[in-house]
């Protein structure tokens, strides 16, 4: 499932402050406030906002990759309890903490995590 599919479904609108910008296609957009999309069966981050001015919580999904991750996150970035095999695609521009606990046991490298 994609981020925009959840947002466009209408039933999950309470998770997002859509009144801030009224957008339904979030690619290359800025998000002000917490972006909470936990436990929603996400399989990709493609099509999501490019900048988050708040927390980005996407724990408990089916993500195997962080490709499509926002370029900037001003709060915490929580990708715990997914199926990640590596951390490729994570932004180096995180304002608070990064949590990736309880993912695939095969994560063996932090290559390209921060340069």
C-alpha atoms as a PDB file:
ATOM      1  CA  UNK A   1       0.000   0.000   0.000  1.00  0.00           C
ATOM      2  CA  UNK A   2       1.208   3.530  -0.747  1.00  0.00           C
ATOM      3  CA  UNK A   3       0.955   6.622   1.433  1.00  0.00           C
ATOM      4  CA  UNK A   4      -1.279   8.437  -1.047  1.00  0.00           C
ATOM      5  CA  UNK A   5      -3.638   5.413  -1.203  1.00  0.00           C
ATOM      6  CA  UNK A   6      -4.214   5.651   2.543  1.00  0.00           C
ATOM      7  CA  UNK A   7      -4.715   9.407   2.420  1.00  0.00           C
ATOM      8  CA  UNK A   8      -7.021   9.299  -0.595  1.00  0.00           C
ATOM      9  CA  UNK A   9      -9.175   6.545   0.945  1.00  0.00           C
ATOM     10  CA  UNK A  10     -10.841   9.101   3.195  1.00  0.00           C
ATOM     11  CA  UNK A  11     -11.175   6.791   6.172  1.00  0.00           C
ATOM     12  CA  UNK A  12      -7.705   7.514   7.547  1.00  0.00           C
ATOM     13  CA  UNK A  13      -7.894  11.298   7.334  1.00  0.00           C
ATOM     14  CA  UNK A  14      -7.877  11.637  11.093  1.00  0.00           C
ATOM     15  CA  UNK A  15      -4.233  10.531  11.057  1.00  0.00           C
ATOM     16  CA  UNK A  16      -3.200  13.511   8.964  1.00  0.00           C
ATOM     17  CA  UNK A  17      -3.761  17.218   9.308  1.00  0.00           C
ATOM     18  CA  UNK A  18      -4.959  17.564   5.722  1.00  0.00           C
ATOM     19  CA  UNK A  19      -6.473  20.955   6.472  1.00  0.00           C
ATOM     20  CA  UNK A  20      -2.938  22.350   6.648  1.00  0.00           C
ATOM     21  CA  UNK A  21      -2.345  22.093   2.926  1.00  0.00           C
ATOM     22  CA  UNK A  22      -5.345  20.265   1.436  1.00  0.00           C
ATOM     23  CA  UNK A  23      -3.149  18.182  -0.851  1.00  0.00           C
ATOM     24  CA  UNK A  24      -3.883  14.622  -1.873  1.00  0.00           C
ATOM     25  CA  UNK A  25      -0.698  14.025  -3.871  1.00  0.00           C
ATOM     26  CA  UNK A  26       2.154  14.577  -1.458  1.00  0.00           C
ATOM     27  CA  UNK A  27       5.154  13.974  -3.724  1.00  0.00           C
ATOM     28  CA  UNK A  28       7.655  16.826  -3.362  1.00  0.00           C
ATOM     29  CA  UNK A  29       5.480  18.584  -0.770  1.00  0.00           C
ATOM     30  CA  UNK A  30       6.201  19.885   2.718  1.00  0.00           C
ATOM     31  CA  UNK A  31       4.260  18.518   5.679  1.00  0.00           C
ATOM     32  CA  UNK A  32       3.780  20.636   8.807  1.00  0.00           C
ATOM     33  CA  UNK A  33       3.057  18.649  11.951  1.00  0.00           C
ATOM     34  CA  UNK A  34       3.293  14.972  12.801  1.00  0.00           C
ATOM     35  CA  UNK A  35       2.977  12.498   9.927  1.00  0.00           C
ATOM     36  CA  UNK A  36       1.673   9.339  11.560  1.00  0.00           C
ATOM     37  CA  UNK A  37       1.156   6.348   9.295  1.00  0.00           C
ATOM     38  CA  UNK A  38       1.836   3.487  11.707  1.00  0.00           C
ATOM     39  CA  UNK A  39       0.422  -0.025  11.255  1.00  0.00           C
ATOM     40  CA  UNK A  40      -1.211   0.682   7.863  1.00  0.00           C
ATOM     41  CA  UNK A  41       0.399  -2.072   5.727  1.00  0.00           C
ATOM     42  CA  UNK A  42       2.638   0.380   3.859  1.00  0.00           C
ATOM     43  CA  UNK A  43       4.964  -1.284   1.379  1.00  0.00           C
ATOM     44  CA  UNK A  44       6.623   1.853  -0.036  1.00  0.00           C
ATOM     45  CA  UNK A  45       7.419   5.440   0.897  1.00  0.00           C
ATOM     46  CA  UNK A  46       7.213   6.579  -2.718  1.00  0.00           C
ATOM     47  CA  UNK A  47       4.773   9.446  -3.220  1.00  0.00           C
ATOM     48  CA  UNK A  48       5.082  10.796   0.307  1.00  0.00           C
ATOM     49  CA  UNK A  49       6.132  14.288   1.375  1.00  0.00           C
ATOM     50  CA  UNK A  50       9.698  15.383   0.711  1.00  0.00           C
ATOM     51  CA  UNK A  51       9.994  17.400   3.932  1.00  0.00           C
ATOM     52  CA  UNK A  52       8.378  16.785   7.332  1.00  0.00           C
ATOM     53  CA  UNK A  53       8.324  19.596   9.886  1.00  0.00           C
ATOM     54  CA  UNK A  54       7.468  17.285  12.778  1.00  0.00           C
ATOM     55  CA  UNK A  55       7.725  13.557  13.502  1.00  0.00           C
ATOM     56  CA  UNK A  56       7.601  10.909  10.771  1.00  0.00           C
ATOM     57  CA  UNK A  57       6.138   7.735  12.280  1.00  0.00           C
ATOM     58  CA  UNK A  58       5.846   4.747   9.963  1.00  0.00           C
ATOM     59  CA  UNK A  59       6.416   1.903  12.424  1.00  0.00           C
ATOM     60  CA  UNK A  60       4.662  -1.446  12.139  1.00  0.00           C
ATOM     61  CA  UNK A  61       4.306  -1.625   8.359  1.00  0.00           C
ATOM     62  CA  UNK A  62       5.608  -3.938   5.630  1.00  0.00           C
ATOM     63  CA  UNK A  63       8.464  -1.737   4.427  1.00  0.00           C
ATOM     64  CA  UNK A  64      11.503  -3.526   3.025  1.00  0.00           C
ATOM     65  CA  UNK A  65      13.200  -0.337   1.845  1.00  0.00           C
ATOM     66  CA  UNK A  66      13.454   3.322   2.824  1.00  0.00           C
ATOM     67  CA  UNK A  67      13.686   4.470  -0.787  1.00  0.00           C
ATOM     68  CA  UNK A  68      11.350   7.414  -1.257  1.00  0.00           C
ATOM     69  CA  UNK A  69      12.022   8.629   2.265  1.00  0.00           C
ATOM     70  CA  UNK A  70      11.560  12.358   2.943  1.00  0.00           C
ATOM     71  CA  UNK A  71      14.719  14.414   2.368  1.00  0.00           C
ATOM     72  CA  UNK A  72      14.272  16.301   5.658  1.00  0.00           C
ATOM     73  CA  UNK A  73      12.565  15.358   8.905  1.00  0.00           C
ATOM     74  CA  UNK A  74      12.585  17.941  11.694  1.00  0.00           C
ATOM     75  CA  UNK A  75      11.424  15.538  14.432  1.00  0.00           C
ATOM     76  CA  UNK A  76      11.941  11.836  15.036  1.00  0.00           C
ATOM     77  CA  UNK A  77      11.991   9.198  12.293  1.00  0.00           C
ATOM     78  CA  UNK A  78      10.488   5.912  13.496  1.00  0.00           C
ATOM     79  CA  UNK A  79      10.678   2.882  11.187  1.00  0.00           C
ATOM     80  CA  UNK A  80      10.584   0.240  13.934  1.00  0.00           C
ATOM     81  CA  UNK A  81       8.814  -3.080  13.352  1.00  0.00           C
ATOM     82  CA  UNK A  82       9.083  -3.237   9.564  1.00  0.00           C
ATOM     83  CA  UNK A  83      10.862  -5.710   7.268  1.00  0.00           C
ATOM     84  CA  UNK A  84      13.935  -3.599   6.434  1.00  0.00           C
ATOM     85  CA  UNK A  85      17.001  -5.406   5.128  1.00  0.00           C
ATOM     86  CA  UNK A  86      19.184  -2.284   4.994  1.00  0.00           C
ATOM     87  CA  UNK A  87      18.953   1.429   5.683  1.00  0.00           C
ATOM     88  CA  UNK A  88      19.555   2.636   2.148  1.00  0.00           C
ATOM     89  CA  UNK A  89      17.401   5.665   1.402  1.00  0.00           C
ATOM     90  CA  UNK A  90      17.237   7.069   4.928  1.00  0.00           C
ATOM     91  CA  UNK A  91      17.805  10.806   5.060  1.00  0.00           C
ATOM     92  CA  UNK A  92      20.830  12.145   6.937  1.00  0.00           C
ATOM     93  CA  UNK A  93      18.761  15.241   7.835  1.00  0.00           C
ATOM     94  CA  UNK A  94      16.822  14.165  10.952  1.00  0.00           C
ATOM     95  CA  UNK A  95      16.118  16.709  13.674  1.00  0.00           C
ATOM     96  CA  UNK A  96      15.697  14.274  16.565  1.00  0.00           C
ATOM     97  CA  UNK A  97      16.238  10.515  16.848  1.00  0.00           C
ATOM     98  CA  UNK A  98      16.093   7.664  14.329  1.00  0.00           C
ATOM     99  CA  UNK A  99      14.564   4.371  15.490  1.00  0.00           C
ATOM    100  CA  UNK A 100      14.776   1.167  13.457  1.00  0.00           C
ATOM    101  CA  UNK A 101      14.417  -1.490  16.151  1.00  0.00           C
ATOM    102  CA  UNK A 102      12.736  -4.852  15.567  1.00  0.00           C
ATOM    103  CA  UNK A 103      13.399  -5.075  11.851  1.00  0.00           C
ATOM    104  CA  UNK A 104      14.812  -7.899   9.792  1.00  0.00           C
ATOM    105  CA  UNK A 105      17.661  -9.634  11.628  1.00  0.00           C
ATOM    106  CA  UNK A 106      19.707  -9.450   8.425  1.00  0.00           C
ATOM    107  CA  UNK A 107      20.520  -5.729   8.780  1.00  0.00           C
ATOM    108  CA  UNK A 108      24.279  -5.981   8.992  1.00  0.00           C
ATOM    109  CA  UNK A 109      25.472  -2.664   7.617  1.00  0.00           C
ATOM    110  CA  UNK A 110      25.030   1.021   8.272  1.00  0.00           C
ATOM    111  CA  UNK A 111      26.597   1.813   4.893  1.00  0.00           C
ATOM    112  CA  UNK A 112      25.380   5.155   3.502  1.00  0.00           C
ATOM    113  CA  UNK A 113      23.405   5.946   6.662  1.00  0.00           C
ATOM    114  CA  UNK A 114      25.166   9.326   7.107  1.00  0.00           C
ATOM    115  CA  UNK A 115      28.000  10.835   5.175  1.00  0.00           C
END
